[in-house]
Protein backbone atom coordinates (compact mmCIF):
# COMPACT_ATOMS: atom_id res chain seq x y z
CA MET A 1 168.76 191.40 122.91
CA THR A 2 172.36 192.34 121.85
CA PRO A 3 174.87 192.79 124.83
CA SER A 4 174.80 197.10 123.87
CA GLU A 5 171.12 196.50 124.93
CA LEU A 6 171.56 194.98 127.94
CA LYS A 7 174.01 197.18 129.18
CA TYR A 8 171.52 200.13 128.73
CA GLN A 9 168.73 198.03 130.39
CA LEU A 10 171.21 197.29 133.57
CA SER A 11 172.03 201.23 133.36
CA LEU A 12 168.66 202.07 134.04
CA THR A 13 168.48 199.89 137.14
CA THR A 14 170.57 199.64 140.16
CA HIS A 15 170.94 196.05 140.55
CA ALA A 16 174.34 195.95 138.63
CA PRO A 17 175.75 199.37 138.59
CA TYR A 18 179.36 198.55 138.07
CA PHE A 19 179.00 195.99 135.36
CA PHE A 20 180.26 197.62 132.52
CA THR A 21 181.66 200.54 133.69
CA ARG A 22 184.96 201.44 131.89
CA LYS A 23 187.13 200.79 135.06
CA THR A 24 186.08 197.17 135.85
CA MET A 25 186.04 196.04 132.05
CA ALA A 26 189.85 197.50 131.57
CA PHE A 27 190.68 195.47 135.39
CA PHE A 28 189.45 192.38 133.57
CA GLY A 29 190.81 193.05 130.21
CA ASP A 30 187.38 192.96 128.37
CA THR A 31 186.33 195.33 125.39
CA MET A 32 181.97 194.94 124.28
CA LYS A 33 182.95 193.70 121.23
CA ASN A 34 183.91 190.55 123.60
CA PHE A 35 180.70 189.91 125.03
CA GLY A 36 177.60 187.93 123.19
CA CYS A 37 174.29 187.68 124.96
CA ARG A 38 171.56 184.99 124.36
CA SER A 39 168.41 183.50 126.04
CA ALA A 40 168.66 180.97 128.50
CA GLY A 41 164.84 180.25 129.55
CA ASP A 42 164.40 183.26 131.95
CA ASN A 43 167.09 184.90 131.94
CA TRP A 44 169.82 186.37 129.61
CA GLU A 45 173.19 184.82 129.27
CA LEU A 46 175.80 187.43 128.89
CA TYR A 47 179.28 185.15 127.55
CA ARG A 48 182.70 186.38 126.72
CA LYS A 49 183.44 184.92 123.22
CA ARG A 50 186.79 184.65 123.80
CA PRO A 51 188.70 184.37 127.01
CA VAL A 52 190.39 187.28 128.93
CA LYS A 53 193.11 188.07 131.43
CA HIS A 54 193.90 184.85 133.61
CA GLY A 55 192.29 182.76 131.12
CA LEU A 56 188.34 184.01 132.49
CA LYS A 57 185.60 182.46 130.10
CA THR A 58 182.40 182.85 132.97
CA SER A 59 179.19 183.97 131.71
CA HIS A 60 176.70 186.12 133.49
CA PHE A 61 173.42 185.53 133.89
CA PHE A 62 170.43 188.62 133.97
CA ASN A 63 166.52 188.06 134.71
CA LYS A 64 164.56 188.93 131.62
CA GLN A 65 162.00 190.81 133.24
CA THR A 66 164.03 192.54 136.45
CA PHE A 67 167.54 192.52 134.75
CA LYS A 68 168.71 191.36 138.25
CA SER A 69 171.82 189.29 138.41
CA VAL A 70 171.15 185.80 139.15
CA ARG A 71 173.16 182.17 139.45
CA PRO A 72 172.88 179.59 137.20
């Protein structure tokens, strides 16, 4: 799974409609190039390669089956 594939899968669902919008990413100073994706058990972990505004470097987890956002 790549970050772009995850973005596409999320666009097909209604679980995280604003996660990858241009406005949201600009607000945090993010780009698609800064994201990486890896498997974390039953979830996909979307992580930042480098910190963005205010040192933000958190990961987000999405269920592999439903693509719902989950907390680790």
